[in-house]
C-alpha atoms as a PDB file:
ATOM      1  CA  UNK A   1      34.421   9.375  50.968  1.00  0.00           C
ATOM      2  CA  UNK A   2      36.476   9.315  54.380  1.00  0.00           C
ATOM      3  CA  UNK A   3      40.332   8.592  53.935  1.00  0.00           C
ATOM      4  CA  UNK A   4      41.121   5.354  55.750  1.00  0.00           C
ATOM      5  CA  UNK A   5      43.672   5.937  58.523  1.00  0.00           C
ATOM      6  CA  UNK A   6      46.418   3.319  58.309  1.00  0.00           C
ATOM      7  CA  UNK A   7      47.598   1.865  61.499  1.00  0.00           C
ATOM      8  CA  UNK A   8      51.518   1.454  62.321  1.00  0.00           C
ATOM      9  CA  UNK A   9      52.730  -1.950  63.037  1.00  0.00           C
ATOM     10  CA  UNK A  10      53.010  -1.244  66.829  1.00  0.00           C
ATOM     11  CA  UNK A  11      49.475  -0.443  67.070  1.00  0.00           C
ATOM     12  CA  UNK A  12      48.282  -3.601  65.049  1.00  0.00           C
ATOM     13  CA  UNK A  13      50.407  -5.688  67.311  1.00  0.00           C
ATOM     14  CA  UNK A  14      48.690  -4.374  70.471  1.00  0.00           C
ATOM     15  CA  UNK A  15      45.215  -4.917  68.777  1.00  0.00           C
ATOM     16  CA  UNK A  16      46.288  -8.636  68.001  1.00  0.00           C
ATOM     17  CA  UNK A  17      47.656  -8.889  71.533  1.00  0.00           C
ATOM     18  CA  UNK A  18      44.067  -7.630  72.904  1.00  0.00           C
ATOM     19  CA  UNK A  19      42.323 -10.006  70.583  1.00  0.00           C
ATOM     20  CA  UNK A  20      44.288 -12.934  72.286  1.00  0.00           C
ATOM     21  CA  UNK A  21      43.863 -11.459  75.715  1.00  0.00           C
ATOM     22  CA  UNK A  22      40.049 -11.396  75.059  1.00  0.00           C
ATOM     23  CA  UNK A  23      40.151 -14.998  74.249  1.00  0.00           C
ATOM     24  CA  UNK A  24      41.797 -15.923  77.757  1.00  0.00           C
ATOM     25  CA  UNK A  25      39.314 -13.669  79.596  1.00  0.00           C
ATOM     26  CA  UNK A  26      36.435 -15.522  77.773  1.00  0.00           C
ATOM     27  CA  UNK A  27      38.166 -18.813  78.772  1.00  0.00           C
ATOM     28  CA  UNK A  28      38.240 -17.509  82.255  1.00  0.00           C
ATOM     29  CA  UNK A  29      34.442 -17.067  82.528  1.00  0.00           C
ATOM     30  CA  UNK A  30      33.842 -13.626  80.832  1.00  0.00           C
ATOM     31  CA  UNK A  31      31.365 -13.323  78.154  1.00  0.00           C
ATOM     32  CA  UNK A  32      32.856 -11.831  74.964  1.00  0.00           C
ATOM     33  CA  UNK A  33      30.906  -8.528  75.489  1.00  0.00           C
ATOM     34  CA  UNK A  34      32.248  -8.420  79.205  1.00  0.00           C
ATOM     35  CA  UNK A  35      35.841  -9.132  77.955  1.00  0.00           C
ATOM     36  CA  UNK A  36      35.692  -6.480  75.277  1.00  0.00           C
ATOM     37  CA  UNK A  37      34.229  -3.889  77.623  1.00  0.00           C
ATOM     38  CA  UNK A  38      36.866  -4.550  80.227  1.00  0.00           C
ATOM     39  CA  UNK A  39      39.583  -4.200  77.713  1.00  0.00           C
ATOM     40  CA  UNK A  40      38.173  -0.999  76.391  1.00  0.00           C
ATOM     41  CA  UNK A  41      37.620   0.362  79.926  1.00  0.00           C
ATOM     42  CA  UNK A  42      41.084  -0.555  81.059  1.00  0.00           C
ATOM     43  CA  UNK A  43      43.088  -0.048  77.770  1.00  0.00           C
ATOM     44  CA  UNK A  44      45.883   2.069  79.366  1.00  0.00           C
ATOM     45  CA  UNK A  45      46.535  -0.890  82.079  1.00  0.00           C
ATOM     46  CA  UNK A  46      46.550  -3.359  79.204  1.00  0.00           C
ATOM     47  CA  UNK A  47      48.808  -1.236  77.043  1.00  0.00           C
ATOM     48  CA  UNK A  48      51.336  -1.275  80.031  1.00  0.00           C
ATOM     49  CA  UNK A  49      50.894  -4.788  80.200  1.00  0.00           C
ATOM     50  CA  UNK A  50      51.708  -5.093  76.573  1.00  0.00           C
ATOM     51  CA  UNK A  51      54.789  -2.898  76.886  1.00  0.00           C
ATOM     52  CA  UNK A  52      55.999  -4.727  79.857  1.00  0.00           C
ATOM     53  CA  UNK A  53      56.214  -7.902  77.726  1.00  0.00           C
ATOM     54  CA  UNK A  54      53.338  -9.948  79.427  1.00  0.00           C
ATOM     55  CA  UNK A  55      51.794 -12.571  77.270  1.00  0.00           C
ATOM     56  CA  UNK A  56      48.178 -12.231  76.587  1.00  0.00           C
ATOM     57  CA  UNK A  57      47.496 -15.163  78.848  1.00  0.00           C
ATOM     58  CA  UNK A  58      49.642 -13.455  81.553  1.00  0.00           C
ATOM     59  CA  UNK A  59      47.825 -10.245  81.165  1.00  0.00           C
ATOM     60  CA  UNK A  60      44.441 -12.122  81.496  1.00  0.00           C
ATOM     61  CA  UNK A  61      45.241 -13.804  84.605  1.00  0.00           C
ATOM     62  CA  UNK A  62      46.315 -10.465  85.988  1.00  0.00           C
ATOM     63  CA  UNK A  63      43.093  -8.947  85.032  1.00  0.00           C
ATOM     64  CA  UNK A  64      40.960 -11.787  86.473  1.00  0.00           C
ATOM     65  CA  UNK A  65      42.880 -11.827  89.693  1.00  0.00           C
END
């Protein structure tokens, strides 16, 4: 049986932040799958936004612009 990898608090915070971004992307017209795919494809860009202190709503607005 594989050992479960524990994620650090920062990684967990980023995942939660991305989940919130996904909600704003969907509210902006994307499907859940489109939002998830976009976040996965642009994860480095979203990580930069996270560390720059953007809120999930701000990051979603930038992504939809």
